[in-house]
Amino acid sequence: MADDFSFSIENHIGVISQSKGGWQVELNLVSWSGRDPKYDIRSWSPDHKKMGKGITMTKDELKTLAQIIGTIED
């Protein structure tokens, strides 16, 4: 089953942060195992061959998250 795992970064949207080791937390549009792409926030190694834990969401979920973030006060 693990051999069927694949991913393709369809669109690199932006970098949220970067560690001293070069890993970056990024927002990307990612297709997992050939499925329709979803928005994805997670850490990636500099060569994008390794990844950390993250979260994937639909466009509607991303829009809702953006609205929630917009309510945060300084």
Protein backbone atom coordinates (compact mmCIF):
# COMPACT_ATOMS: atom_id res chain seq x y z
CA MET A 1 0.00 0.00 0.00
CA ALA A 2 2.80 2.47 0.84
CA ASP A 3 4.27 1.94 -2.63
CA ASP A 4 1.16 3.62 -4.11
CA PHE A 5 1.92 6.91 -2.33
CA SER A 6 2.86 9.77 -4.61
CA PHE A 7 2.51 13.53 -4.69
CA SER A 8 2.86 16.34 -7.17
CA ILE A 9 3.13 20.01 -6.26
CA GLU A 10 0.84 21.53 -8.90
CA ASN A 11 1.28 25.15 -7.78
CA HIS A 12 3.73 26.64 -5.29
CA ILE A 13 1.78 29.52 -3.75
CA GLY A 14 4.14 30.84 -1.07
CA VAL A 15 6.55 30.36 1.80
CA ILE A 16 5.21 30.98 5.31
CA SER A 17 8.50 30.48 7.18
CA GLN A 18 11.95 28.91 6.89
CA SER A 19 14.11 27.09 9.45
CA LYS A 20 17.87 27.35 9.83
CA GLY A 21 18.17 23.91 8.20
CA GLY A 22 16.49 25.18 5.04
CA TRP A 23 13.13 23.48 5.56
CA GLN A 24 10.23 25.74 4.63
CA VAL A 25 6.60 25.84 5.71
CA GLU A 26 4.76 26.39 2.45
CA LEU A 27 1.28 26.82 1.03
CA ASN A 28 0.98 24.73 -2.13
CA LEU A 29 -1.64 23.12 -4.31
CA VAL A 30 -0.76 19.41 -4.11
CA SER A 31 -2.14 16.31 -5.83
CA TRP A 32 -1.82 13.30 -3.51
CA SER A 33 -1.68 9.85 -5.15
CA GLY A 34 -3.17 11.17 -8.40
CA ARG A 35 -6.25 12.70 -6.77
CA ASP A 36 -7.57 16.19 -7.47
CA PRO A 37 -5.20 18.79 -5.98
CA LYS A 38 -5.94 20.36 -2.60
CA TYR A 39 -4.43 23.30 -0.77
CA ASP A 40 -1.70 22.11 1.56
CA ILE A 41 0.26 23.70 4.42
CA ARG A 42 3.30 21.73 5.61
CA SER A 43 7.09 21.84 5.98
CA TRP A 44 9.25 20.71 3.06
CA SER A 45 12.94 19.89 2.76
CA PRO A 46 14.89 22.16 0.38
CA ASP A 47 14.68 19.57 -2.44
CA HIS A 48 10.95 18.84 -1.81
CA LYS A 49 11.69 15.11 -1.46
CA LYS A 50 10.87 15.00 2.28
CA MET A 51 7.97 16.56 4.11
CA GLY A 52 6.68 17.09 7.61
CA LYS A 53 3.17 16.73 8.92
CA GLY A 54 0.68 19.13 7.48
CA ILE A 55 -2.90 19.91 6.67
CA THR A 56 -4.78 19.71 3.38
CA MET A 57 -8.01 21.53 2.60
CA THR A 58 -10.41 22.35 -0.18
CA LYS A 59 -10.66 25.84 -1.66
CA ASP A 60 -13.78 26.53 0.44
CA GLU A 61 -11.98 25.42 3.61
CA LEU A 62 -9.01 27.66 2.72
CA LYS A 63 -11.35 30.63 2.20
CA THR A 64 -12.95 29.97 5.60
CA LEU A 65 -9.51 29.79 7.21
CA ALA A 66 -8.59 33.11 5.57
CA GLN A 67 -11.74 34.70 7.02
CA ILE A 68 -10.92 33.37 10.47
CA ILE A 69 -7.34 34.64 10.23
CA GLY A 70 -8.72 38.04 9.19
CA THR A 71 -10.47 38.33 12.56
CA ILE A 72 -7.22 38.03 14.55
CA GLU A 73 -6.27 41.27 16.27
CA ASP A 74 -2.71 42.44 16.88
